[in-house]
Amino acid sequence: MPKLALMMALLVHELATNAAKYGALSKPTGTVSISWSVLDSILEFHWSETGGPTVSQPTRKGFGLQLLSRALDQFNGTAELKFRPAGLECTMKAALFEEPDTKVAV
């Protein structure tokens, strides 16, 4: 699971960076709520922004959106983004599984 942990850290960093530049964290009144759960070896992570500038659907797919849309494929996962006027909502899901031992015998 170290690879999934690293990928989740990268995705949360991307969400936080965008929230600070353009989203809820760019305004003093903005907040971000984070929650997660694990059920039947499926991690579900939810990010929700409120109190920032009005959000609209982006007109182009930049690096962040491309990363979010593809990054969890290798973990049988998905990322769903909702650009609500009150703030961005992102739900990510990924399968938790043991990675095979990749050590090389000498």
PDB file of N, CA and C in Angstrom:
ATOM      1  N   MET A   1       0.795  -1.211   0.000  1.00  0.00           N
ATOM      2  CA  MET A   1       0.000   0.000   0.000  1.00  0.00           C
ATOM      3  C   MET A   1       0.839   1.278   0.000  1.00  0.00           C
ATOM      4  N   PRO A   2       2.169   1.179   0.082  1.00  0.00           N
ATOM      5  CA  PRO A   2       2.944   2.421   0.043  1.00  0.00           C
ATOM      6  C   PRO A   2       2.732   3.225  -1.232  1.00  0.00           C
ATOM      7  N   LYS A   3       2.543   2.551  -2.368  1.00  0.00           N
ATOM      8  CA  LYS A   3       2.324   3.281  -3.620  1.00  0.00           C
ATOM      9  C   LYS A   3       1.007   4.043  -3.596  1.00  0.00           C
ATOM     10  N   LEU A   4      -0.024   3.444  -3.027  1.00  0.00           N
ATOM     11  CA  LEU A   4      -1.308   4.136  -2.905  1.00  0.00           C
ATOM     12  C   LEU A   4      -1.185   5.322  -1.955  1.00  0.00           C
ATOM     13  N   ALA A   5      -0.474   5.143  -0.852  1.00  0.00           N
ATOM     14  CA  ALA A   5      -0.292   6.246   0.100  1.00  0.00           C
ATOM     15  C   ALA A   5       0.430   7.418  -0.568  1.00  0.00           C
ATOM     16  N   LEU A   6       1.442   7.117  -1.351  1.00  0.00           N
ATOM     17  CA  LEU A   6       2.174   8.166  -2.061  1.00  0.00           C
ATOM     18  C   LEU A   6       1.272   8.873  -3.072  1.00  0.00           C
ATOM     19  N   MET A   7       0.477   8.103  -3.797  1.00  0.00           N
ATOM     20  CA  MET A   7      -0.429   8.695  -4.788  1.00  0.00           C
ATOM     21  C   MET A   7      -1.490   9.568  -4.101  1.00  0.00           C
ATOM     22  N   MET A   8      -2.046   9.095  -2.998  1.00  0.00           N
ATOM     23  CA  MET A   8      -3.047   9.895  -2.273  1.00  0.00           C
ATOM     24  C   MET A   8      -2.428  11.195  -1.766  1.00  0.00           C
ATOM     25  N   ALA A   9      -1.190  11.139  -1.291  1.00  0.00           N
ATOM     26  CA  ALA A   9      -0.515  12.350  -0.819  1.00  0.00           C
ATOM     27  C   ALA A   9      -0.356  13.348  -1.965  1.00  0.00           C
ATOM     28  N   LEU A  10       0.000  12.847  -3.138  1.00  0.00           N
ATOM     29  CA  LEU A  10       0.145  13.706  -4.309  1.00  0.00           C
ATOM     30  C   LEU A  10      -1.195  14.336  -4.697  1.00  0.00           C
ATOM     31  N   LEU A  11      -2.251  13.541  -4.674  1.00  0.00           N
ATOM     32  CA  LEU A  11      -3.578  14.054  -5.039  1.00  0.00           C
ATOM     33  C   LEU A  11      -4.087  15.079  -4.026  1.00  0.00           C
ATOM     34  N   VAL A  12      -3.895  14.821  -2.741  1.00  0.00           N
ATOM     35  CA  VAL A  12      -4.320  15.782  -1.711  1.00  0.00           C
ATOM     36  C   VAL A  12      -3.505  17.068  -1.840  1.00  0.00           C
ATOM     37  N   HIS A  13      -2.231  16.937  -2.136  1.00  0.00           N
ATOM     38  CA  HIS A  13      -1.398  18.122  -2.350  1.00  0.00           C
ATOM     39  C   HIS A  13      -1.924  18.949  -3.521  1.00  0.00           C
ATOM     40  N   GLU A  14      -2.302  18.281  -4.602  1.00  0.00           N
ATOM     41  CA  GLU A  14      -2.849  18.976  -5.775  1.00  0.00           C
ATOM     42  C   GLU A  14      -4.153  19.699  -5.414  1.00  0.00           C
ATOM     43  N   LEU A  15      -5.038  19.017  -4.689  1.00  0.00           N
ATOM     44  CA  LEU A  15      -6.297  19.644  -4.270  1.00  0.00           C
ATOM     45  C   LEU A  15      -6.036  20.846  -3.360  1.00  0.00           C
ATOM     46  N   ALA A  16      -5.113  20.695  -2.419  1.00  0.00           N
ATOM     47  CA  ALA A  16      -4.816  21.783  -1.479  1.00  0.00           C
ATOM     48  C   ALA A  16      -4.185  22.977  -2.196  1.00  0.00           C
ATOM     49  N   THR A  17      -3.286  22.705  -3.128  1.00  0.00           N
ATOM     50  CA  THR A  17      -2.652  23.788  -3.882  1.00  0.00           C
ATOM     51  C   THR A  17      -3.691  24.579  -4.677  1.00  0.00           C
ATOM     52  N   ASN A  18      -4.589  23.862  -5.349  1.00  0.00           N
ATOM     53  CA  ASN A  18      -5.631  24.545  -6.121  1.00  0.00           C
ATOM     54  C   ASN A  18      -6.607  25.283  -5.213  1.00  0.00           C
ATOM     55  N   ALA A  19      -6.912  24.709  -4.055  1.00  0.00           N
ATOM     56  CA  ALA A  19      -7.804  25.395  -3.111  1.00  0.00           C
ATOM     57  C   ALA A  19      -7.170  26.693  -2.616  1.00  0.00           C
ATOM     58  N   ALA A  20      -5.848  26.674  -2.401  1.00  0.00           N
ATOM     59  CA  ALA A  20      -5.151  27.869  -1.923  1.00  0.00           C
ATOM     60  C   ALA A  20      -5.056  28.941  -3.000  1.00  0.00           C
ATOM     61  N   LYS A  21      -4.869  28.523  -4.244  1.00  0.00           N
ATOM     62  CA  LYS A  21      -4.734  29.484  -5.341  1.00  0.00           C
ATOM     63  C   LYS A  21      -6.072  30.030  -5.821  1.00  0.00           C
ATOM     64  N   TYR A  22      -7.047  29.121  -6.012  1.00  0.00           N
ATOM     65  CA  TYR A  22      -8.288  29.496  -6.693  1.00  0.00           C
ATOM     66  C   TYR A  22      -9.562  29.182  -5.918  1.00  0.00           C
ATOM     67  N   GLY A  23      -9.491  28.311  -4.947  1.00  0.00           N
ATOM     68  CA  GLY A  23     -10.688  27.791  -4.294  1.00  0.00           C
ATOM     69  C   GLY A  23     -10.927  28.357  -2.914  1.00  0.00           C
ATOM     70  N   ALA A  24     -11.504  27.524  -2.076  1.00  0.00           N
ATOM     71  CA  ALA A  24     -11.956  27.943  -0.748  1.00  0.00           C
ATOM     72  C   ALA A  24     -10.840  28.531   0.108  1.00  0.00           C
ATOM     73  N   LEU A  25      -9.639  27.998   0.017  1.00  0.00           N
ATOM     74  CA  LEU A  25      -8.555  28.493   0.872  1.00  0.00           C
ATOM     75  C   LEU A  25      -7.946  29.794   0.372  1.00  0.00           C
ATOM     76  N   SER A  26      -8.459  30.326  -0.742  1.00  0.00           N
ATOM     77  CA  SER A  26      -7.992  31.628  -1.230  1.00  0.00           C
ATOM     78  C   SER A  26      -8.755  32.780  -0.572  1.00  0.00           C
ATOM     79  N   LYS A  27      -9.753  32.469   0.235  1.00  0.00           N
ATOM     80  CA  LYS A  27     -10.561  33.476   0.931  1.00  0.00           C
ATOM     81  C   LYS A  27     -10.506  33.210   2.443  1.00  0.00           C
ATOM     82  N   PRO A  28     -10.519  34.268   3.252  1.00  0.00           N
ATOM     83  CA  PRO A  28     -10.486  34.071   4.713  1.00  0.00           C
ATOM     84  C   PRO A  28     -11.678  33.264   5.239  1.00  0.00           C
ATOM     85  N   THR A  29     -12.797  33.301   4.534  1.00  0.00           N
ATOM     86  CA  THR A  29     -14.000  32.591   4.991  1.00  0.00           C
ATOM     87  C   THR A  29     -14.070  31.150   4.497  1.00  0.00           C
ATOM     88  N   GLY A  30     -13.122  30.747   3.660  1.00  0.00           N
ATOM     89  CA  GLY A  30     -13.176  29.422   3.054  1.00  0.00           C
ATOM     90  C   GLY A  30     -12.725  28.302   3.985  1.00  0.00           C
ATOM     91  N   THR A  31     -13.329  27.147   3.787  1.00  0.00           N
ATOM     92  CA  THR A  31     -12.947  25.964   4.558  1.00  0.00           C
ATOM     93  C   THR A  31     -12.883  24.743   3.645  1.00  0.00           C
ATOM     94  N   VAL A  32     -12.134  23.758   4.093  1.00  0.00           N
ATOM     95  CA  VAL A  32     -12.061  22.470   3.421  1.00  0.00           C
ATOM     96  C   VAL A  32     -12.393  21.415   4.458  1.00  0.00           C
ATOM     97  N   SER A  33     -13.291  20.523   4.105  1.00  0.00           N
ATOM     98  CA  SER A  33     -13.631  19.387   4.967  1.00  0.00           C
ATOM     99  C   SER A  33     -13.129  18.121   4.289  1.00  0.00           C
ATOM    100  N   ILE A  34     -12.498  17.269   5.082  1.00  0.00           N
ATOM    101  CA  ILE A  34     -11.958  16.004   4.582  1.00  0.00           C
ATOM    102  C   ILE A  34     -12.510  14.879   5.445  1.00  0.00           C
ATOM    103  N   SER A  35     -12.934  13.811   4.775  1.00  0.00           N
ATOM    104  CA  SER A  35     -13.346  12.613   5.510  1.00  0.00           C
ATOM    105  C   SER A  35     -12.941  11.394   4.697  1.00  0.00           C
ATOM    106  N   TRP A  36     -12.791  10.272   5.373  1.00  0.00           N
ATOM    107  CA  TRP A  36     -12.480   9.036   4.667  1.00  0.00           C
ATOM    108  C   TRP A  36     -13.030   7.865   5.443  1.00  0.00           C
ATOM    109  N   SER A  37     -13.198   6.782   4.728  1.00  0.00           N
ATOM    110  CA  SER A  37     -13.673   5.548   5.348  1.00  0.00           C
ATOM    111  C   SER A  37     -13.116   4.380   4.547  1.00  0.00           C
ATOM    112  N   VAL A  38     -13.119   3.224   5.181  1.00  0.00           N
ATOM    113  CA  VAL A  38     -12.717   1.990   4.516  1.00  0.00           C
ATOM    114  C   VAL A  38     -13.816   0.972   4.757  1.00  0.00           C
ATOM    115  N   LEU A  39     -14.313   0.394   3.667  1.00  0.00           N
ATOM    116  CA  LEU A  39     -15.348  -0.628   3.745  1.00  0.00           C
ATOM    117  C   LEU A  39     -15.038  -1.689   2.699  1.00  0.00           C
ATOM    118  N   ASP A  40     -14.956  -2.921   3.133  1.00  0.00           N
ATOM    119  CA  ASP A  40     -14.655  -4.039   2.225  1.00  0.00           C
ATOM    120  C   ASP A  40     -13.402  -3.777   1.400  1.00  0.00           C
ATOM    121  N   SER A  41     -12.356  -3.303   2.054  1.00  0.00           N
ATOM    122  CA  SER A  41     -11.053  -3.030   1.423  1.00  0.00           C
ATOM    123  C   SER A  41     -11.109  -1.960   0.338  1.00  0.00           C
ATOM    124  N   ILE A  42     -12.104  -1.072   0.412  1.00  0.00           N
ATOM    125  CA  ILE A  42     -12.191   0.068  -0.504  1.00  0.00           C
ATOM    126  C   ILE A  42     -12.050   1.349   0.322  1.00  0.00           C
ATOM    127  N   LEU A  43     -11.031   2.125  -0.014  1.00  0.00           N
ATOM    128  CA  LEU A  43     -10.839   3.431   0.613  1.00  0.00           C
ATOM    129  C   LEU A  43     -11.704   4.438  -0.116  1.00  0.00           C
ATOM    130  N   GLU A  44     -12.484   5.202   0.635  1.00  0.00           N
ATOM    131  CA  GLU A  44     -13.244   6.313   0.058  1.00  0.00           C
ATOM    132  C   GLU A  44     -12.809   7.580   0.773  1.00  0.00           C
ATOM    133  N   PHE A  45     -12.341   8.550  -0.006  1.00  0.00           N
ATOM    134  CA  PHE A  45     -11.817   9.815   0.505  1.00  0.00           C
ATOM    135  C   PHE A  45     -12.660  10.936  -0.081  1.00  0.00           C
ATOM    136  N   HIS A  46     -13.156  11.836   0.787  1.00  0.00           N
ATOM    137  CA  HIS A  46     -14.028  12.912   0.327  1.00  0.00           C
ATOM    138  C   HIS A  46     -13.430  14.269   0.717  1.00  0.00           C
ATOM    139  N   TRP A  47     -13.353  15.169  -0.259  1.00  0.00           N
ATOM    140  CA  TRP A  47     -12.841  16.537  -0.094  1.00  0.00           C
ATOM    141  C   TRP A  47     -13.969  17.480  -0.463  1.00  0.00           C
ATOM    142  N   SER A  48     -14.258  18.456   0.389  1.00  0.00           N
ATOM    143  CA  SER A  48     -15.349  19.387   0.120  1.00  0.00           C
ATOM    144  C   SER A  48     -14.923  20.806   0.511  1.00  0.00           C
ATOM    145  N   GLU A  49     -15.060  21.724  -0.424  1.00  0.00           N
ATOM    146  CA  GLU A  49     -14.715  23.129  -0.195  1.00  0.00           C
ATOM    147  C   GLU A  49     -15.980  23.971  -0.083  1.00  0.00           C
ATOM    148  N   THR A  50     -15.959  24.932   0.840  1.00  0.00           N
ATOM    149  CA  THR A  50     -17.054  25.897   0.983  1.00  0.00           C
ATOM    150  C   THR A  50     -16.469  27.252   1.374  1.00  0.00           C
ATOM    151  N   GLY A  51     -17.251  28.294   1.135  1.00  0.00           N
ATOM    152  CA  GLY A  51     -16.867  29.634   1.583  1.00  0.00           C
ATOM    153  C   GLY A  51     -15.864  30.351   0.708  1.00  0.00           C
ATOM    154  N   GLY A  52     -15.535  29.792  -0.428  1.00  0.00           N
ATOM    155  CA  GLY A  52     -14.590  30.437  -1.334  1.00  0.00           C
ATOM    156  C   GLY A  52     -15.315  31.120  -2.473  1.00  0.00           C
ATOM    157  N   PRO A  53     -14.582  31.435  -3.524  1.00  0.00           N
ATOM    158  CA  PRO A  53     -15.215  32.048  -4.686  1.00  0.00           C
ATOM    159  C   PRO A  53     -16.178  31.079  -5.368  1.00  0.00           C
ATOM    160  N   THR A  54     -17.094  31.618  -6.139  1.00  0.00           N
ATOM    161  CA  THR A  54     -18.033  30.782  -6.894  1.00  0.00           C
ATOM    162  C   THR A  54     -17.260  29.908  -7.870  1.00  0.00           C
ATOM    163  N   VAL A  55     -17.632  28.644  -7.906  1.00  0.00           N
ATOM    164  CA  VAL A  55     -16.935  27.661  -8.740  1.00  0.00           C
ATOM    165  C   VAL A  55     -17.756  27.382  -9.992  1.00  0.00           C
ATOM    166  N   SER A  56     -17.052  27.193 -11.096  1.00  0.00           N
ATOM    167  CA  SER A  56     -17.719  26.784 -12.333  1.00  0.00           C
ATOM    168  C   SER A  56     -16.890  25.684 -12.989  1.00  0.00           C
ATOM    169  N   GLN A  57     -17.531  24.970 -13.886  1.00  0.00           N
ATOM    170  CA  GLN A  57     -16.854  23.891 -14.619  1.00  0.00           C
ATOM    171  C   GLN A  57     -15.689  24.491 -15.407  1.00  0.00           C
ATOM    172  N   PRO A  58     -14.488  23.916 -15.288  1.00  0.00           N
ATOM    173  CA  PRO A  58     -13.354  24.467 -16.046  1.00  0.00           C
ATOM    174  C   PRO A  58     -13.553  24.278 -17.552  1.00  0.00           C
ATOM    175  N   THR A  59     -12.968  25.178 -18.317  1.00  0.00           N
ATOM    176  CA  THR A  59     -13.096  25.113 -19.769  1.00  0.00           C
ATOM    177  C   THR A  59     -12.011  24.243 -20.397  1.00  0.00           C
ATOM    178  N   ARG A  60     -10.953  23.964 -19.640  1.00  0.00           N
ATOM    179  CA  ARG A  60      -9.896  23.088 -20.157  1.00  0.00           C
ATOM    180  C   ARG A  60      -9.451  22.132 -19.054  1.00  0.00           C
ATOM    181  N   LYS A  61      -8.823  21.056 -19.474  1.00  0.00           N
ATOM    182  CA  LYS A  61      -8.351  20.041 -18.533  1.00  0.00           C
ATOM    183  C   LYS A  61      -6.850  20.215 -18.343  1.00  0.00           C
ATOM    184  N   GLY A  62      -6.468  20.908 -17.259  1.00  0.00           N
ATOM    185  CA  GLY A  62      -5.061  21.131 -16.958  1.00  0.00           C
ATOM    186  C   GLY A  62      -4.429  19.926 -16.282  1.00  0.00           C
ATOM    187  N   PHE A  63      -3.204  20.113 -15.813  1.00  0.00           N
ATOM    188  CA  PHE A  63      -2.454  19.028 -15.198  1.00  0.00           C
ATOM    189  C   PHE A  63      -3.200  18.395 -14.033  1.00  0.00           C
ATOM    190  N   GLY A  64      -3.745  19.222 -13.151  1.00  0.00           N
ATOM    191  CA  GLY A  64      -4.433  18.708 -11.969  1.00  0.00           C
ATOM    192  C   GLY A  64      -5.620  17.826 -12.302  1.00  0.00           C
ATOM    193  N   LEU A  65      -6.437  18.265 -13.230  1.00  0.00           N
ATOM    194  CA  LEU A  65      -7.601  17.465 -13.626  1.00  0.00           C
ATOM    195  C   LEU A  65      -7.178  16.174 -14.321  1.00  0.00           C
ATOM    196  N   GLN A  66      -6.141  16.247 -15.131  1.00  0.00           N
ATOM    197  CA  GLN A  66      -5.650  15.035 -15.783  1.00  0.00           C
ATOM    198  C   GLN A  66      -5.107  14.060 -14.747  1.00  0.00           C
ATOM    199  N   LEU A  67      -4.358  14.575 -13.785  1.00  0.00           N
ATOM    200  CA  LEU A  67      -3.814  13.729 -12.726  1.00  0.00           C
ATOM    201  C   LEU A  67      -4.932  13.062 -11.943  1.00  0.00           C
ATOM    202  N   LEU A  68      -5.912  13.860 -11.519  1.00  0.00           N
ATOM    203  CA  LEU A  68      -7.022  13.304 -10.741  1.00  0.00           C
ATOM    204  C   LEU A  68      -7.835  12.279 -11.527  1.00  0.00           C
ATOM    205  N   SER A  69      -7.988  12.495 -12.817  1.00  0.00           N
ATOM    206  CA  SER A  69      -8.830  11.587 -13.595  1.00  0.00           C
ATOM    207  C   SER A  69      -8.154  10.253 -13.892  1.00  0.00           C
ATOM    208  N   ARG A  70      -6.816  10.194 -13.819  1.00  0.00           N
ATOM    209  CA  ARG A  70      -6.114   8.962 -14.190  1.00  0.00           C
ATOM    210  C   ARG A  70      -5.329   8.299 -13.070  1.00  0.00           C
ATOM    211  N   ALA A  71      -4.982   9.029 -12.050  1.00  0.00           N
ATOM    212  CA  ALA A  71      -4.019   8.555 -11.055  1.00  0.00           C
ATOM    213  C   ALA A  71      -4.442   7.293 -10.316  1.00  0.00           C
ATOM    214  N   LEU A  72      -5.719   7.127 -10.087  1.00  0.00           N
ATOM    215  CA  LEU A  72      -6.173   5.985  -9.290  1.00  0.00           C
ATOM    216  C   LEU A  72      -6.514   4.755 -10.120  1.00  0.00           C
ATOM    217  N   ASP A  73      -6.365   4.846 -11.430  1.00  0.00           N
ATOM    218  CA  ASP A  73      -6.647   3.697 -12.300  1.00  0.00           C
ATOM    219  C   ASP A  73      -5.850   2.467 -11.878  1.00  0.00           C
ATOM    220  N   GLN A  74      -4.588   2.667 -11.531  1.00  0.00           N
ATOM    221  CA  GLN A  74      -3.727   1.545 -11.175  1.00  0.00           C
ATOM    222  C   GLN A  74      -4.136   0.871  -9.866  1.00  0.00           C
ATOM    223  N   PHE A  75      -5.024   1.504  -9.124  1.00  0.00           N
ATOM    224  CA  PHE A  75      -5.522   0.941  -7.861  1.00  0.00           C
ATOM    225  C   PHE A  75      -6.997   0.559  -7.985  1.00  0.00           C
ATOM    226  N   ASN A  76      -7.443   0.344  -9.206  1.00  0.00           N
ATOM    227  CA  ASN A  76      -8.856   0.050  -9.472  1.00  0.00           C
ATOM    228  C   ASN A  76      -9.744   1.121  -8.853  1.00  0.00           C
ATOM    229  N   GLY A  77      -9.298   2.359  -8.967  1.00  0.00           N
ATOM    230  CA  GLY A  77     -10.001   3.452  -8.315  1.00  0.00           C
ATOM    231  C   GLY A  77     -10.555   4.481  -9.278  1.00  0.00           C
ATOM    232  N   THR A  78     -11.245   5.457  -8.684  1.00  0.00           N
ATOM    233  CA  THR A  78     -11.851   6.542  -9.443  1.00  0.00           C
ATOM    234  C   THR A  78     -11.745   7.843  -8.661  1.00  0.00           C
ATOM    235  N   ALA A  79     -11.875   8.928  -9.388  1.00  0.00           N
ATOM    236  CA  ALA A  79     -11.986  10.249  -8.762  1.00  0.00           C
ATOM    237  C   ALA A  79     -13.142  10.965  -9.446  1.00  0.00           C
ATOM    238  N   GLU A  80     -14.081  11.411  -8.655  1.00  0.00           N
ATOM    239  CA  GLU A  80     -15.242  12.129  -9.181  1.00  0.00           C
ATOM    240  C   GLU A  80     -15.191  13.563  -8.675  1.00  0.00           C
ATOM    241  N   LEU A  81     -15.171  14.511  -9.608  1.00  0.00           N
ATOM    242  CA  LEU A  81     -15.134  15.924  -9.261  1.00  0.00           C
ATOM    243  C   LEU A  81     -16.474  16.565  -9.579  1.00  0.00           C
ATOM    244  N   LYS A  82     -16.980  17.348  -8.630  1.00  0.00           N
ATOM    245  CA  LYS A  82     -18.217  18.104  -8.842  1.00  0.00           C
ATOM    246  C   LYS A  82     -17.892  19.577  -8.616  1.00  0.00           C
ATOM    247  N   PHE A  83     -18.063  20.350  -9.671  1.00  0.00           N
ATOM    248  CA  PHE A  83     -17.790  21.781  -9.611  1.00  0.00           C
ATOM    249  C   PHE A  83     -19.089  22.498  -9.267  1.00  0.00           C
ATOM    250  N   ARG A  84     -19.414  22.511  -8.000  1.00  0.00           N
ATOM    251  CA  ARG A  84     -20.645  23.153  -7.522  1.00  0.00           C
ATOM    252  C   ARG A  84     -20.359  24.642  -7.276  1.00  0.00           C
ATOM    253  N   PRO A  85     -21.332  25.504  -7.512  1.00  0.00           N
ATOM    254  CA  PRO A  85     -21.098  26.936  -7.283  1.00  0.00           C
ATOM    255  C   PRO A  85     -20.564  27.241  -5.882  1.00  0.00           C
ATOM    256  N   ALA A  86     -20.998  26.491  -4.871  1.00  0.00           N
ATOM    257  CA  ALA A  86     -20.568  26.739  -3.493  1.00  0.00           C
ATOM    258  C   ALA A  86     -19.159  26.232  -3.216  1.00  0.00           C
ATOM    259  N   GLY A  87     -18.630  25.372  -4.079  1.00  0.00           N
ATOM    260  CA  GLY A  87     -17.281  24.856  -3.871  1.00  0.00           C
ATOM    261  C   GLY A  87     -17.065  23.493  -4.506  1.00  0.00           C
ATOM    262  N   LEU A  88     -15.805  23.163  -4.688  1.00  0.00           N
ATOM    263  CA  LEU A  88     -15.421  21.893  -5.291  1.00  0.00           C
ATOM    264  C   LEU A  88     -15.684  20.738  -4.340  1.00  0.00           C
ATOM    265  N   GLU A  89     -16.179  19.646  -4.880  1.00  0.00           N
ATOM    266  CA  GLU A  89     -16.298  18.395  -4.135  1.00  0.00           C
ATOM    267  C   GLU A  89     -15.568  17.320  -4.929  1.00  0.00           C
ATOM    268  N   CYS A  90     -14.772  16.533  -4.246  1.00  0.00           N
ATOM    269  CA  CYS A  90     -14.030  15.456  -4.887  1.00  0.00           C
ATOM    270  C   CYS A  90     -14.178  14.200  -4.043  1.00  0.00           C
ATOM    271  N   THR A  91     -14.578  13.109  -4.683  1.00  0.00           N
ATOM    272  CA  THR A  91     -14.656  11.815  -4.018  1.00  0.00           C
ATOM    273  C   THR A  91     -13.734  10.863  -4.756  1.00  0.00           C
ATOM    274  N   MET A  92     -12.778  10.310  -4.016  1.00  0.00           N
ATOM    275  CA  MET A  92     -11.828   9.361  -4.584  1.00  0.00           C
ATOM    276  C   MET A  92     -12.049   8.006  -3.925  1.00  0.00           C
ATOM    277  N   LYS A  93     -11.977   6.972  -4.739  1.00  0.00           N
ATOM    278  CA  LYS A  93     -12.098   5.604  -4.234  1.00  0.00           C
ATOM    279  C   LYS A  93     -10.944   4.787  -4.797  1.00  0.00           C
ATOM    280  N   ALA A  94     -10.424   3.872  -3.975  1.00  0.00           N
ATOM    281  CA  ALA A  94      -9.340   3.002  -4.424  1.00  0.00           C
ATOM    282  C   ALA A  94      -9.376   1.705  -3.623  1.00  0.00           C
ATOM    283  N   ALA A  95      -8.980   0.639  -4.293  1.00  0.00           N
ATOM    284  CA  ALA A  95      -8.922  -0.671  -3.646  1.00  0.00           C
ATOM    285  C   ALA A  95      -7.653  -0.773  -2.813  1.00  0.00           C
ATOM    286  N   LEU A  96      -7.814  -1.218  -1.589  1.00  0.00           N
ATOM    287  CA  LEU A  96      -6.663  -1.475  -0.722  1.00  0.00           C
ATOM    288  C   LEU A  96      -6.278  -2.935  -0.876  1.00  0.00           C
ATOM    289  N   PHE A  97      -5.078  -3.168  -1.290  1.00  0.00           N
ATOM    290  CA  PHE A  97      -4.617  -4.543  -1.439  1.00  0.00           C
ATOM    291  C   PHE A  97      -3.131  -4.578  -1.136  1.00  0.00           C
ATOM    292  N   GLU A  98      -2.665  -5.749  -0.799  1.00  0.00           N
ATOM    293  CA  GLU A  98      -1.253  -5.929  -0.516  1.00  0.00           C
ATOM    294  C   GLU A  98      -0.489  -5.960  -1.825  1.00  0.00           C
ATOM    295  N   GLU A  99       0.587  -5.191  -1.889  1.00  0.00           N
ATOM    296  CA  GLU A  99       1.426  -5.206  -3.076  1.00  0.00           C
ATOM    297  C   GLU A  99       2.343  -6.428  -3.010  1.00  0.00           C
ATOM    298  N   PRO A 100       2.621  -7.047  -4.139  1.00  0.00           N
ATOM    299  CA  PRO A 100       3.495  -8.209  -4.122  1.00  0.00           C
ATOM    300  C   PRO A 100       4.903  -7.814  -3.675  1.00  0.00           C
ATOM    301  N   ASP A 101       5.581  -8.738  -3.061  1.00  0.00           N
ATOM    302  CA  ASP A 101       6.938  -8.519  -2.608  1.00  0.00           C
ATOM    303  C   ASP A 101       7.840  -8.373  -3.836  1.00  0.00           C
ATOM    304  N   THR A 102       8.466  -7.224  -3.974  1.00  0.00           N
ATOM    305  CA  THR A 102       9.275  -6.981  -5.167  1.00  0.00           C
ATOM    306  C   THR A 102      10.764  -7.043  -4.873  1.00  0.00           C
ATOM    307  N   LYS A 103      11.153  -7.571  -3.726  1.00  0.00           N
ATOM    308  CA  LYS A 103      12.570  -7.681  -3.392  1.00  0.00           C
ATOM    309  C   LYS A 103      13.221  -8.742  -4.282  1.00  0.00           C
ATOM    310  N   VAL A 104      14.434  -8.446  -4.677  1.00  0.00           N
ATOM    311  CA  VAL A 104      15.189  -9.365  -5.517  1.00  0.00           C
ATOM    312  C   VAL A 104      16.113 -10.170  -4.635  1.00  0.00           C
ATOM    313  N   ALA A 105      16.056 -11.477  -4.764  1.00  0.00           N
ATOM    314  CA  ALA A 105      16.936 -12.351  -3.987  1.00  0.00           C
ATOM    315  C   ALA A 105      18.353 -12.282  -4.553  1.00  0.00           C
ATOM    316  N   VAL A 106      19.330 -12.227  -3.665  1.00  0.00           N
ATOM    317  CA  VAL A 106      20.729 -12.185  -4.104  1.00  0.00           C
ATOM    318  C   VAL A 106      21.449 -13.453  -3.746  1.00  0.00           C
TER     319      VAL A 106
END
